[in-house]
Amino acid sequence: MKPLQLTAELERVARRTVWFKSPAAAVRDPVHFIAHVLTYGTHEDVQALRQQVSDQELAEAIRNAPPGVFDARSWTYWNLKIGRYPPPPLPERKFG
């Protein structure tokens, strides 16, 4: 996945959706950032993200989503949007 550019729009999105990191740090991990936007973002946030993220990159980010970010509703919706139905189980943390 290509790096994201920290535009003024994505900075605003990052401050709202990845509140525990600086916007610059948030966009350095595109898969994690995309997962947060798809879970916590508004329609406008997703539109801002989609200016830099292709359909293929969006699907890649969903397939490689980190555990603990998506809720069941968002996971189901975004998997349906990329053509995965029924959706696979939510990503889980592995211990040990």
PDB file of N, CA and C in Angstrom:
ATOM      1  N   MET A   1       0.845  -1.172   0.000  1.00  0.00           N
ATOM      2  CA  MET A   1       0.000   0.000   0.000  1.00  0.00           C
ATOM      3  C   MET A   1       0.889   1.234   0.000  1.00  0.00           C
ATOM      4  N   LYS A   2       0.526   2.195  -0.823  1.00  0.00           N
ATOM      5  CA  LYS A   2       1.330   3.412  -0.902  1.00  0.00           C
ATOM      6  C   LYS A   2       1.100   4.291   0.335  1.00  0.00           C
ATOM      7  N   PRO A   3       2.091   5.086   0.689  1.00  0.00           N
ATOM      8  CA  PRO A   3       1.932   5.992   1.841  1.00  0.00           C
ATOM      9  C   PRO A   3       0.850   7.032   1.561  1.00  0.00           C
ATOM     10  N   LEU A   4       0.211   7.485   2.613  1.00  0.00           N
ATOM     11  CA  LEU A   4      -0.777   8.554   2.502  1.00  0.00           C
ATOM     12  C   LEU A   4      -0.094   9.902   2.702  1.00  0.00           C
ATOM     13  N   GLN A   5      -0.603  10.902   2.016  1.00  0.00           N
ATOM     14  CA  GLN A   5      -0.101  12.270   2.180  1.00  0.00           C
ATOM     15  C   GLN A   5      -0.947  12.964   3.244  1.00  0.00           C
ATOM     16  N   LEU A   6      -0.289  13.622   4.178  1.00  0.00           N
ATOM     17  CA  LEU A   6      -1.017  14.315   5.241  1.00  0.00           C
ATOM     18  C   LEU A   6      -1.473  15.675   4.735  1.00  0.00           C
ATOM     19  N   THR A   7      -2.634  15.703   4.115  1.00  0.00           N
ATOM     20  CA  THR A   7      -3.245  16.946   3.660  1.00  0.00           C
ATOM     21  C   THR A   7      -3.993  17.578   4.829  1.00  0.00           C
ATOM     22  N   ALA A   8      -4.446  18.795   4.641  1.00  0.00           N
ATOM     23  CA  ALA A   8      -5.236  19.457   5.680  1.00  0.00           C
ATOM     24  C   ALA A   8      -6.503  18.661   5.985  1.00  0.00           C
ATOM     25  N   GLU A   9      -7.120  18.096   4.943  1.00  0.00           N
ATOM     26  CA  GLU A   9      -8.330  17.293   5.145  1.00  0.00           C
ATOM     27  C   GLU A   9      -8.043  16.030   5.946  1.00  0.00           C
ATOM     28  N   LEU A  10      -6.980  15.317   5.568  1.00  0.00           N
ATOM     29  CA  LEU A  10      -6.668  14.083   6.305  1.00  0.00           C
ATOM     30  C   LEU A  10      -6.204  14.375   7.719  1.00  0.00           C
ATOM     31  N   GLU A  11      -5.582  15.515   7.929  1.00  0.00           N
ATOM     32  CA  GLU A  11      -5.202  15.897   9.292  1.00  0.00           C
ATOM     33  C   GLU A  11      -6.447  16.048  10.156  1.00  0.00           C
ATOM     34  N   ARG A  12      -7.471  16.696   9.622  1.00  0.00           N
ATOM     35  CA  ARG A  12      -8.734  16.867  10.337  1.00  0.00           C
ATOM     36  C   ARG A  12      -9.369  15.505  10.632  1.00  0.00           C
ATOM     37  N   VAL A  13      -9.365  14.629   9.633  1.00  0.00           N
ATOM     38  CA  VAL A  13      -9.928  13.290   9.800  1.00  0.00           C
ATOM     39  C   VAL A  13      -9.147  12.514  10.862  1.00  0.00           C
ATOM     40  N   ALA A  14      -7.829  12.587  10.795  1.00  0.00           N
ATOM     41  CA  ALA A  14      -6.986  11.862  11.754  1.00  0.00           C
ATOM     42  C   ALA A  14      -7.230  12.340  13.183  1.00  0.00           C
ATOM     43  N   ARG A  15      -7.383  13.634  13.378  1.00  0.00           N
ATOM     44  CA  ARG A  15      -7.626  14.154  14.734  1.00  0.00           C
ATOM     45  C   ARG A  15      -8.923  13.604  15.320  1.00  0.00           C
ATOM     46  N   ARG A  16      -9.922  13.382  14.472  1.00  0.00           N
ATOM     47  CA  ARG A  16     -11.214  12.878  14.954  1.00  0.00           C
ATOM     48  C   ARG A  16     -11.246  11.362  15.110  1.00  0.00           C
ATOM     49  N   THR A  17     -10.573  10.628  14.229  1.00  0.00           N
ATOM     50  CA  THR A  17     -10.734   9.175  14.202  1.00  0.00           C
ATOM     51  C   THR A  17      -9.604   8.397  14.869  1.00  0.00           C
ATOM     52  N   VAL A  18      -8.436   8.998  14.959  1.00  0.00           N
ATOM     53  CA  VAL A  18      -7.292   8.345  15.629  1.00  0.00           C
ATOM     54  C   VAL A  18      -6.773   9.350  16.665  1.00  0.00           C
ATOM     55  N   TRP A  19      -7.604   9.631  17.651  1.00  0.00           N
ATOM     56  CA  TRP A  19      -7.380  10.686  18.623  1.00  0.00           C
ATOM     57  C   TRP A  19      -6.177  10.439  19.524  1.00  0.00           C
ATOM     58  N   PHE A  20      -5.688   9.227  19.600  1.00  0.00           N
ATOM     59  CA  PHE A  20      -4.610   8.872  20.520  1.00  0.00           C
ATOM     60  C   PHE A  20      -3.228   8.981  19.890  1.00  0.00           C
ATOM     61  N   LYS A  21      -3.145   9.413  18.626  1.00  0.00           N
ATOM     62  CA  LYS A  21      -1.876   9.617  17.935  1.00  0.00           C
ATOM     63  C   LYS A  21      -1.895  10.983  17.271  1.00  0.00           C
ATOM     64  N   SER A  22      -0.718  11.489  16.980  1.00  0.00           N
ATOM     65  CA  SER A  22      -0.669  12.716  16.176  1.00  0.00           C
ATOM     66  C   SER A  22      -1.134  12.364  14.765  1.00  0.00           C
ATOM     67  N   PRO A  23      -1.686  13.327  14.036  1.00  0.00           N
ATOM     68  CA  PRO A  23      -2.106  13.037  12.661  1.00  0.00           C
ATOM     69  C   PRO A  23      -0.976  12.484  11.795  1.00  0.00           C
ATOM     70  N   ALA A  24       0.231  13.002  11.946  1.00  0.00           N
ATOM     71  CA  ALA A  24       1.367  12.507  11.159  1.00  0.00           C
ATOM     72  C   ALA A  24       1.643  11.043  11.467  1.00  0.00           C
ATOM     73  N   ALA A  25       1.605  10.675  12.744  1.00  0.00           N
ATOM     74  CA  ALA A  25       1.828   9.280  13.124  1.00  0.00           C
ATOM     75  C   ALA A  25       0.686   8.390  12.638  1.00  0.00           C
ATOM     76  N   ALA A  26      -0.523   8.897  12.670  1.00  0.00           N
ATOM     77  CA  ALA A  26      -1.687   8.112  12.252  1.00  0.00           C
ATOM     78  C   ALA A  26      -1.599   7.725  10.784  1.00  0.00           C
ATOM     79  N   VAL A  27      -1.245   8.652   9.917  1.00  0.00           N
ATOM     80  CA  VAL A  27      -1.226   8.345   8.478  1.00  0.00           C
ATOM     81  C   VAL A  27       0.000   7.543   8.071  1.00  0.00           C
ATOM     82  N   ARG A  28       0.995   7.430   8.948  1.00  0.00           N
ATOM     83  CA  ARG A  28       2.172   6.601   8.626  1.00  0.00           C
ATOM     84  C   ARG A  28       1.847   5.113   8.577  1.00  0.00           C
ATOM     85  N   ASP A  29       0.738   4.719   9.189  1.00  0.00           N
ATOM     86  CA  ASP A  29       0.287   3.324   9.142  1.00  0.00           C
ATOM     87  C   ASP A  29      -1.052   3.306   8.404  1.00  0.00           C
ATOM     88  N   PRO A  30      -1.007   3.266   7.068  1.00  0.00           N
ATOM     89  CA  PRO A  30      -2.247   3.411   6.296  1.00  0.00           C
ATOM     90  C   PRO A  30      -3.320   2.373   6.619  1.00  0.00           C
ATOM     91  N   VAL A  31      -2.953   1.131   6.839  1.00  0.00           N
ATOM     92  CA  VAL A  31      -3.959   0.097   7.115  1.00  0.00           C
ATOM     93  C   VAL A  31      -4.693   0.407   8.417  1.00  0.00           C
ATOM     94  N   HIS A  32      -3.960   0.757   9.444  1.00  0.00           N
ATOM     95  CA  HIS A  32      -4.554   1.102  10.740  1.00  0.00           C
ATOM     96  C   HIS A  32      -5.414   2.359  10.609  1.00  0.00           C
ATOM     97  N   PHE A  33      -4.899   3.354   9.906  1.00  0.00           N
ATOM     98  CA  PHE A  33      -5.625   4.611   9.727  1.00  0.00           C
ATOM     99  C   PHE A  33      -6.929   4.370   8.972  1.00  0.00           C
ATOM    100  N   ILE A  34      -6.865   3.620   7.885  1.00  0.00           N
ATOM    101  CA  ILE A  34      -8.063   3.344   7.087  1.00  0.00           C
ATOM    102  C   ILE A  34      -9.098   2.609   7.939  1.00  0.00           C
ATOM    103  N   ALA A  35      -8.673   1.638   8.721  1.00  0.00           N
ATOM    104  CA  ALA A  35      -9.605   0.911   9.583  1.00  0.00           C
ATOM    105  C   ALA A  35     -10.317   1.855  10.543  1.00  0.00           C
ATOM    106  N   HIS A  36      -9.588   2.791  11.112  1.00  0.00           N
ATOM    107  CA  HIS A  36     -10.198   3.753  12.035  1.00  0.00           C
ATOM    108  C   HIS A  36     -11.178   4.665  11.318  1.00  0.00           C
ATOM    109  N   VAL A  37     -10.819   5.126  10.138  1.00  0.00           N
ATOM    110  CA  VAL A  37     -11.726   6.007   9.390  1.00  0.00           C
ATOM    111  C   VAL A  37     -12.998   5.250   9.015  1.00  0.00           C
ATOM    112  N   LEU A  38     -12.865   4.014   8.575  1.00  0.00           N
ATOM    113  CA  LEU A  38     -14.036   3.246   8.169  1.00  0.00           C
ATOM    114  C   LEU A  38     -14.927   2.893   9.356  1.00  0.00           C
ATOM    115  N   THR A  39     -14.378   2.850  10.547  1.00  0.00           N
ATOM    116  CA  THR A  39     -15.155   2.521  11.734  1.00  0.00           C
ATOM    117  C   THR A  39     -15.728   3.766  12.414  1.00  0.00           C
ATOM    118  N   TYR A  40     -14.915   4.810  12.563  1.00  0.00           N
ATOM    119  CA  TYR A  40     -15.313   5.967  13.354  1.00  0.00           C
ATOM    120  C   TYR A  40     -15.593   7.224  12.534  1.00  0.00           C
ATOM    121  N   GLY A  41     -15.300   7.180  11.252  1.00  0.00           N
ATOM    122  CA  GLY A  41     -15.432   8.369  10.426  1.00  0.00           C
ATOM    123  C   GLY A  41     -16.842   8.623   9.934  1.00  0.00           C
ATOM    124  N   THR A  42     -17.056   9.859   9.522  1.00  0.00           N
ATOM    125  CA  THR A  42     -18.311  10.255   8.894  1.00  0.00           C
ATOM    126  C   THR A  42     -18.211   9.992   7.391  1.00  0.00           C
ATOM    127  N   HIS A  43     -19.302  10.196   6.706  1.00  0.00           N
ATOM    128  CA  HIS A  43     -19.296  10.069   5.247  1.00  0.00           C
ATOM    129  C   HIS A  43     -18.264  11.017   4.641  1.00  0.00           C
ATOM    130  N   GLU A  44     -18.174  12.226   5.162  1.00  0.00           N
ATOM    131  CA  GLU A  44     -17.211  13.212   4.671  1.00  0.00           C
ATOM    132  C   GLU A  44     -15.778  12.760   4.939  1.00  0.00           C
ATOM    133  N   ASP A  45     -15.540  12.127   6.081  1.00  0.00           N
ATOM    134  CA  ASP A  45     -14.204  11.607   6.391  1.00  0.00           C
ATOM    135  C   ASP A  45     -13.799  10.534   5.376  1.00  0.00           C
ATOM    136  N   VAL A  46     -14.723   9.645   5.065  1.00  0.00           N
ATOM    137  CA  VAL A  46     -14.441   8.586   4.095  1.00  0.00           C
ATOM    138  C   VAL A  46     -14.193   9.194   2.717  1.00  0.00           C
ATOM    139  N   GLN A  47     -14.953  10.210   2.346  1.00  0.00           N
ATOM    140  CA  GLN A  47     -14.734  10.877   1.060  1.00  0.00           C
ATOM    141  C   GLN A  47     -13.329  11.483   0.998  1.00  0.00           C
ATOM    142  N   ALA A  48     -12.882  12.101   2.079  1.00  0.00           N
ATOM    143  CA  ALA A  48     -11.536  12.679   2.116  1.00  0.00           C
ATOM    144  C   ALA A  48     -10.484  11.580   1.967  1.00  0.00           C
ATOM    145  N   LEU A  49     -10.683  10.472   2.642  1.00  0.00           N
ATOM    146  CA  LEU A  49      -9.763   9.338   2.543  1.00  0.00           C
ATOM    147  C   LEU A  49      -9.728   8.789   1.126  1.00  0.00           C
ATOM    148  N   ARG A  50     -10.884   8.659   0.516  1.00  0.00           N
ATOM    149  CA  ARG A  50     -10.980   8.064  -0.819  1.00  0.00           C
ATOM    150  C   ARG A  50     -10.319   8.913  -1.904  1.00  0.00           C
ATOM    151  N   GLN A  51      -9.993  10.151  -1.602  1.00  0.00           N
ATOM    152  CA  GLN A  51      -9.239  10.961  -2.560  1.00  0.00           C
ATOM    153  C   GLN A  51      -7.838  10.396  -2.773  1.00  0.00           C
ATOM    154  N   GLN A  52      -7.341   9.632  -1.795  1.00  0.00           N
ATOM    155  CA  GLN A  52      -5.992   9.071  -1.880  1.00  0.00           C
ATOM    156  C   GLN A  52      -5.959   7.548  -1.935  1.00  0.00           C
ATOM    157  N   VAL A  53      -7.084   6.895  -1.688  1.00  0.00           N
ATOM    158  CA  VAL A  53      -7.108   5.443  -1.565  1.00  0.00           C
ATOM    159  C   VAL A  53      -7.984   4.839  -2.667  1.00  0.00           C
ATOM    160  N   SER A  54      -7.401   3.973  -3.476  1.00  0.00           N
ATOM    161  CA  SER A  54      -8.133   3.309  -4.556  1.00  0.00           C
ATOM    162  C   SER A  54      -9.019   2.195  -3.997  1.00  0.00           C
ATOM    163  N   ASP A  55      -9.887   1.666  -4.850  1.00  0.00           N
ATOM    164  CA  ASP A  55     -10.719   0.527  -4.444  1.00  0.00           C
ATOM    165  C   ASP A  55      -9.859  -0.650  -4.013  1.00  0.00           C
ATOM    166  N   GLN A  56      -8.786  -0.912  -4.750  1.00  0.00           N
ATOM    167  CA  GLN A  56      -7.903  -2.029  -4.427  1.00  0.00           C
ATOM    168  C   GLN A  56      -7.205  -1.816  -3.088  1.00  0.00           C
ATOM    169  N   GLU A  57      -6.762  -0.600  -2.823  1.00  0.00           N
ATOM    170  CA  GLU A  57      -6.102  -0.302  -1.550  1.00  0.00           C
ATOM    171  C   GLU A  57      -7.087  -0.392  -0.388  1.00  0.00           C
ATOM    172  N   LEU A  58      -8.318   0.054  -0.621  1.00  0.00           N
ATOM    173  CA  LEU A  58      -9.340  -0.055   0.411  1.00  0.00           C
ATOM    174  C   LEU A  58      -9.581  -1.525   0.757  1.00  0.00           C
ATOM    175  N   ALA A  59      -9.718  -2.356  -0.268  1.00  0.00           N
ATOM    176  CA  ALA A  59      -9.924  -3.793  -0.046  1.00  0.00           C
ATOM    177  C   ALA A  59      -8.726  -4.415   0.667  1.00  0.00           C
ATOM    178  N   GLU A  60      -7.518  -4.013   0.273  1.00  0.00           N
ATOM    179  CA  GLU A  60      -6.307  -4.529   0.929  1.00  0.00           C
ATOM    180  C   GLU A  60      -6.299  -4.169   2.410  1.00  0.00           C
ATOM    181  N   ALA A  61      -6.673  -2.930   2.724  1.00  0.00           N
ATOM    182  CA  ALA A  61      -6.687  -2.489   4.121  1.00  0.00           C
ATOM    183  C   ALA A  61      -7.713  -3.269   4.930  1.00  0.00           C
ATOM    184  N   ILE A  62      -8.873  -3.541   4.338  1.00  0.00           N
ATOM    185  CA  ILE A  62      -9.899  -4.307   5.050  1.00  0.00           C
ATOM    186  C   ILE A  62      -9.439  -5.744   5.252  1.00  0.00           C
ATOM    187  N   ARG A  63      -8.843  -6.344   4.229  1.00  0.00           N
ATOM    188  CA  ARG A  63      -8.360  -7.728   4.361  1.00  0.00           C
ATOM    189  C   ARG A  63      -7.265  -7.853   5.414  1.00  0.00           C
ATOM    190  N   ASN A  64      -6.503  -6.776   5.639  1.00  0.00           N
ATOM    191  CA  ASN A  64      -5.391  -6.796   6.590  1.00  0.00           C
ATOM    192  C   ASN A  64      -5.677  -5.966   7.837  1.00  0.00           C
ATOM    193  N   ALA A  65      -6.942  -5.751   8.137  1.00  0.00           N
ATOM    194  CA  ALA A  65      -7.330  -4.894   9.261  1.00  0.00           C
ATOM    195  C   ALA A  65      -6.755  -5.408  10.576  1.00  0.00           C
ATOM    196  N   PRO A  66      -6.291  -4.476  11.407  1.00  0.00           N
ATOM    197  CA  PRO A  66      -5.790  -4.887  12.719  1.00  0.00           C
ATOM    198  C   PRO A  66      -6.948  -5.299  13.626  1.00  0.00           C
ATOM    199  N   PRO A  67      -6.710  -6.227  14.528  1.00  0.00           N
ATOM    200  CA  PRO A  67      -7.763  -6.618  15.471  1.00  0.00           C
ATOM    201  C   PRO A  67      -8.109  -5.473  16.416  1.00  0.00           C
ATOM    202  N   GLY A  68      -9.348  -5.443  16.833  1.00  0.00           N
ATOM    203  CA  GLY A  68      -9.777  -4.497  17.846  1.00  0.00           C
ATOM    204  C   GLY A  68     -10.204  -3.138  17.346  1.00  0.00           C
ATOM    205  N   VAL A  69     -10.209  -2.902  16.047  1.00  0.00           N
ATOM    206  CA  VAL A  69     -10.606  -1.595  15.529  1.00  0.00           C
ATOM    207  C   VAL A  69     -12.048  -1.624  15.034  1.00  0.00           C
ATOM    208  N   PHE A  70     -12.361  -2.530  14.131  1.00  0.00           N
ATOM    209  CA  PHE A  70     -13.706  -2.583  13.556  1.00  0.00           C
ATOM    210  C   PHE A  70     -14.721  -3.095  14.564  1.00  0.00           C
ATOM    211  N   ASP A  71     -15.914  -2.513  14.549  1.00  0.00           N
ATOM    212  CA  ASP A  71     -17.049  -3.093  15.249  1.00  0.00           C
ATOM    213  C   ASP A  71     -17.792  -3.973  14.248  1.00  0.00           C
ATOM    214  N   ALA A  72     -18.705  -4.791  14.720  1.00  0.00           N
ATOM    215  CA  ALA A  72     -19.381  -5.759  13.857  1.00  0.00           C
ATOM    216  C   ALA A  72     -20.152  -5.077  12.724  1.00  0.00           C
ATOM    217  N   ARG A  73     -20.810  -3.988  13.020  1.00  0.00           N
ATOM    218  CA  ARG A  73     -21.608  -3.302  11.991  1.00  0.00           C
ATOM    219  C   ARG A  73     -20.717  -2.760  10.883  1.00  0.00           C
ATOM    220  N   SER A  74     -19.660  -2.049  11.234  1.00  0.00           N
ATOM    221  CA  SER A  74     -18.748  -1.488  10.239  1.00  0.00           C
ATOM    222  C   SER A  74     -18.053  -2.591   9.448  1.00  0.00           C
ATOM    223  N   TRP A  75     -17.647  -3.648  10.124  1.00  0.00           N
ATOM    224  CA  TRP A  75     -16.974  -4.778   9.475  1.00  0.00           C
ATOM    225  C   TRP A  75     -17.887  -5.397   8.414  1.00  0.00           C
ATOM    226  N   THR A  76     -19.135  -5.624   8.783  1.00  0.00           N
ATOM    227  CA  THR A  76     -20.084  -6.208   7.840  1.00  0.00           C
ATOM    228  C   THR A  76     -20.308  -5.285   6.653  1.00  0.00           C
ATOM    229  N   TYR A  77     -20.530  -4.009   6.912  1.00  0.00           N
ATOM    230  CA  TYR A  77     -20.787  -3.043   5.847  1.00  0.00           C
ATOM    231  C   TYR A  77     -19.621  -2.956   4.874  1.00  0.00           C
ATOM    232  N   TRP A  78     -18.418  -2.752   5.380  1.00  0.00           N
ATOM    233  CA  TRP A  78     -17.274  -2.539   4.489  1.00  0.00           C
ATOM    234  C   TRP A  78     -16.871  -3.813   3.760  1.00  0.00           C
ATOM    235  N   ASN A  79     -17.060  -4.953   4.363  1.00  0.00           N
ATOM    236  CA  ASN A  79     -16.803  -6.193   3.634  1.00  0.00           C
ATOM    237  C   ASN A  79     -17.806  -6.363   2.500  1.00  0.00           C
ATOM    238  N   LEU A  80     -19.045  -6.018   2.729  1.00  0.00           N
ATOM    239  CA  LEU A  80     -20.048  -6.060   1.673  1.00  0.00           C
ATOM    240  C   LEU A  80     -19.657  -5.104   0.540  1.00  0.00           C
ATOM    241  N   LYS A  81     -19.171  -3.920   0.889  1.00  0.00           N
ATOM    242  CA  LYS A  81     -18.775  -2.929  -0.123  1.00  0.00           C
ATOM    243  C   LYS A  81     -17.631  -3.421  -1.002  1.00  0.00           C
ATOM    244  N   ILE A  82     -16.752  -4.288  -0.471  1.00  0.00           N
ATOM    245  CA  ILE A  82     -15.641  -4.792  -1.300  1.00  0.00           C
ATOM    246  C   ILE A  82     -15.959  -6.159  -1.892  1.00  0.00           C
ATOM    247  N   GLY A  83     -17.209  -6.607  -1.729  1.00  0.00           N
ATOM    248  CA  GLY A  83     -17.625  -7.840  -2.369  1.00  0.00           C
ATOM    249  C   GLY A  83     -17.409  -9.106  -1.573  1.00  0.00           C
ATOM    250  N   ARG A  84     -17.148  -8.983  -0.276  1.00  0.00           N
ATOM    251  CA  ARG A  84     -16.983 -10.179   0.559  1.00  0.00           C
ATOM    252  C   ARG A  84     -18.258 -10.397   1.364  1.00  0.00           C
ATOM    253  N   TYR A  85     -19.066 -11.362   0.894  1.00  0.00           N
ATOM    254  CA  TYR A  85     -20.295 -11.706   1.598  1.00  0.00           C
ATOM    255  C   TYR A  85     -20.457 -13.205   1.581  1.00  0.00           C
ATOM    256  N   PRO A  86     -20.690 -13.816   2.696  1.00  0.00           N
ATOM    257  CA  PRO A  86     -20.724 -13.198   4.017  1.00  0.00           C
ATOM    258  C   PRO A  86     -19.322 -12.772   4.443  1.00  0.00           C
ATOM    259  N   PRO A  87     -19.257 -11.804   5.334  1.00  0.00           N
ATOM    260  CA  PRO A  87     -17.938 -11.360   5.769  1.00  0.00           C
ATOM    261  C   PRO A  87     -17.240 -12.417   6.610  1.00  0.00           C
ATOM    262  N   PRO A  88     -15.921 -12.431   6.572  1.00  0.00           N
ATOM    263  CA  PRO A  88     -15.194 -13.331   7.472  1.00  0.00           C
ATOM    264  C   PRO A  88     -15.356 -12.842   8.919  1.00  0.00           C
ATOM    265  N   PRO A  89     -14.958 -13.649   9.873  1.00  0.00           N
ATOM    266  CA  PRO A  89     -15.001 -13.186  11.271  1.00  0.00           C
ATOM    267  C   PRO A  89     -14.140 -11.935  11.466  1.00  0.00           C
ATOM    268  N   LEU A  90     -14.520 -11.139  12.432  1.00  0.00           N
ATOM    269  CA  LEU A  90     -13.717  -9.976  12.784  1.00  0.00           C
ATOM    270  C   LEU A  90     -12.280 -10.408  13.097  1.00  0.00           C
ATOM    271  N   PRO A  91     -11.305  -9.570  12.769  1.00  0.00           N
ATOM    272  CA  PRO A  91      -9.922  -9.904  13.151  1.00  0.00           C
ATOM    273  C   PRO A  91      -9.805 -10.047  14.670  1.00  0.00           C
ATOM    274  N   GLU A  92      -9.046 -11.023  15.095  1.00  0.00           N
ATOM    275  CA  GLU A  92      -8.861 -11.274  16.527  1.00  0.00           C
ATOM    276  C   GLU A  92      -7.415 -11.152  16.923  1.00  0.00           C
ATOM    277  N   ARG A  93      -7.204 -10.759  18.167  1.00  0.00           N
ATOM    278  CA  ARG A  93      -5.863 -10.713  18.719  1.00  0.00           C
ATOM    279  C   ARG A  93      -5.395 -12.133  18.995  1.00  0.00           C
ATOM    280  N   LYS A  94      -4.134 -12.377  18.736  1.00  0.00           N
ATOM    281  CA  LYS A  94      -3.540 -13.695  19.003  1.00  0.00           C
ATOM    282  C   LYS A  94      -2.629 -13.566  20.220  1.00  0.00           C
ATOM    283  N   PHE A  95      -2.819 -14.418  21.184  1.00  0.00           N
ATOM    284  CA  PHE A  95      -1.974 -14.422  22.369  1.00  0.00           C
ATOM    285  C   PHE A  95      -1.209 -15.741  22.443  1.00  0.00           C
ATOM    286  N   GLY A  96       0.043 -15.628  22.868  1.00  0.00           N
ATOM    287  CA  GLY A  96       0.843 -16.833  23.087  1.00  0.00           C
ATOM    288  C   GLY A  96       1.291 -17.409  21.851  1.00  0.00           C
TER     289      GLY A  96
END
